[in-house]
Amino acid sequence: MVDLENLMVKMERVKMAKAKKEKQDEEVAFATFNTWCKGETSKLDASIKKSGSEIETLGSEIEKLTAEA
């Protein structure tokens, strides 16, 4: 009976260690993904601002050319 109890305790420890390792791996994966998302968000914001400026410039150019025509 003692051997069975020891075996059960060992199994629980192995499961606990495995669960902790999986949690740690998930935390690393999430941190990596989160960092990537923040970088992509910054790039997207910059692209949107640049495109907005281009739209304004082209709009002004269209108005100018329309007035000249």
C-alpha atoms as a PDB file:
ATOM      1  CA  MET A   1       0.000   0.000   0.000  1.00  0.00           C
ATOM      2  CA  VAL A   2       2.867   2.332   0.767  1.00  0.00           C
ATOM      3  CA  ASP A   3       4.334   1.679  -2.678  1.00  0.00           C
ATOM      4  CA  LEU A   4       1.035   2.633  -4.278  1.00  0.00           C
ATOM      5  CA  GLU A   5       0.924   5.859  -2.265  1.00  0.00           C
ATOM      6  CA  ASN A   6       4.510   6.660  -3.227  1.00  0.00           C
ATOM      7  CA  LEU A   7       3.713   5.966  -6.854  1.00  0.00           C
ATOM      8  CA  MET A   8       0.676   8.254  -6.715  1.00  0.00           C
ATOM      9  CA  VAL A   9       2.710  11.030  -5.098  1.00  0.00           C
ATOM     10  CA  LYS A  10       5.412  10.627  -7.758  1.00  0.00           C
ATOM     11  CA  MET A  11       2.828  10.755 -10.524  1.00  0.00           C
ATOM     12  CA  GLU A  12       1.307  13.912  -9.075  1.00  0.00           C
ATOM     13  CA  ARG A  13       4.731  15.534  -8.852  1.00  0.00           C
ATOM     14  CA  VAL A  14       5.455  14.644 -12.466  1.00  0.00           C
ATOM     15  CA  LYS A  15       2.093  16.054 -13.549  1.00  0.00           C
ATOM     16  CA  MET A  16       2.701  19.218 -11.525  1.00  0.00           C
ATOM     17  CA  ALA A  17       6.171  19.687 -13.042  1.00  0.00           C
ATOM     18  CA  LYS A  18       4.765  19.148 -16.527  1.00  0.00           C
ATOM     19  CA  ALA A  19       1.964  21.654 -15.894  1.00  0.00           C
ATOM     20  CA  LYS A  20       4.447  24.249 -14.604  1.00  0.00           C
ATOM     21  CA  LYS A  21       6.646  23.756 -17.677  1.00  0.00           C
ATOM     22  CA  GLU A  22       3.663  24.121 -20.012  1.00  0.00           C
ATOM     23  CA  LYS A  23       2.599  27.285 -18.187  1.00  0.00           C
ATOM     24  CA  GLN A  24       6.090  28.716 -18.507  1.00  0.00           C
ATOM     25  CA  ASP A  25       6.192  27.866 -22.224  1.00  0.00           C
ATOM     26  CA  GLU A  26       2.821  29.545 -22.734  1.00  0.00           C
ATOM     27  CA  GLU A  27       3.983  32.671 -20.901  1.00  0.00           C
ATOM     28  CA  VAL A  28       7.049  32.906 -23.151  1.00  0.00           C
ATOM     29  CA  ALA A  29       4.978  32.347 -26.283  1.00  0.00           C
ATOM     30  CA  PHE A  30       2.465  34.984 -25.214  1.00  0.00           C
ATOM     31  CA  ALA A  31       5.191  37.506 -24.378  1.00  0.00           C
ATOM     32  CA  THR A  32       6.761  36.938 -27.789  1.00  0.00           C
ATOM     33  CA  PHE A  33       3.411  37.336 -29.545  1.00  0.00           C
ATOM     34  CA  ASN A  34       2.535  40.411 -27.488  1.00  0.00           C
ATOM     35  CA  THR A  35       5.854  42.048 -28.398  1.00  0.00           C
ATOM     36  CA  TRP A  36       5.253  41.283 -32.079  1.00  0.00           C
ATOM     37  CA  CYS A  37       1.738  42.763 -31.879  1.00  0.00           C
ATOM     38  CA  LYS A  38       3.017  45.995 -30.320  1.00  0.00           C
ATOM     39  CA  GLY A  39       5.640  46.309 -33.050  1.00  0.00           C
ATOM     40  CA  GLU A  40       3.104  45.689 -35.787  1.00  0.00           C
ATOM     41  CA  THR A  41       0.703  48.194 -34.225  1.00  0.00           C
ATOM     42  CA  SER A  42       3.403  50.862 -34.291  1.00  0.00           C
ATOM     43  CA  LYS A  43       4.167  50.090 -37.927  1.00  0.00           C
ATOM     44  CA  LEU A  44       0.476  50.182 -38.813  1.00  0.00           C
ATOM     45  CA  ASP A  45      -0.028  53.520 -37.038  1.00  0.00           C
ATOM     46  CA  ALA A  46       2.904  55.019 -38.944  1.00  0.00           C
ATOM     47  CA  SER A  47       1.555  53.667 -42.233  1.00  0.00           C
ATOM     48  CA  ILE A  48      -1.906  55.091 -41.540  1.00  0.00           C
ATOM     49  CA  LYS A  49      -0.465  58.527 -40.753  1.00  0.00           C
ATOM     50  CA  LYS A  50       1.654  58.468 -43.911  1.00  0.00           C
ATOM     51  CA  SER A  51      -1.324  57.395 -46.023  1.00  0.00           C
ATOM     52  CA  GLY A  52      -3.468  60.124 -44.454  1.00  0.00           C
ATOM     53  CA  SER A  53      -0.909  62.739 -45.459  1.00  0.00           C
ATOM     54  CA  GLU A  54      -0.758  61.343 -48.980  1.00  0.00           C
ATOM     55  CA  ILE A  55      -4.548  61.440 -49.235  1.00  0.00           C
ATOM     56  CA  GLU A  56      -4.601  65.095 -48.175  1.00  0.00           C
ATOM     57  CA  THR A  57      -1.865  65.956 -50.680  1.00  0.00           C
ATOM     58  CA  LEU A  58      -3.623  64.156 -53.507  1.00  0.00           C
ATOM     59  CA  GLY A  59      -6.944  65.759 -52.551  1.00  0.00           C
ATOM     60  CA  SER A  60      -5.368  69.205 -52.741  1.00  0.00           C
ATOM     61  CA  GLU A  61      -3.778  68.348 -56.059  1.00  0.00           C
ATOM     62  CA  ILE A  62      -7.123  67.163 -57.454  1.00  0.00           C
ATOM     63  CA  GLU A  63      -8.817  70.387 -56.315  1.00  0.00           C
ATOM     64  CA  LYS A  64      -6.062  72.472 -57.913  1.00  0.00           C
ATOM     65  CA  LEU A  65      -6.230  70.596 -61.213  1.00  0.00           C
ATOM     66  CA  THR A  66     -10.035  70.701 -61.225  1.00  0.00           C
ATOM     67  CA  ALA A  67      -9.991  74.455 -60.685  1.00  0.00           C
ATOM     68  CA  GLU A  68      -7.504  74.899 -63.523  1.00  0.00           C
ATOM     69  CA  ALA A  69      -9.579  72.859 -65.945  1.00  0.00           C
END
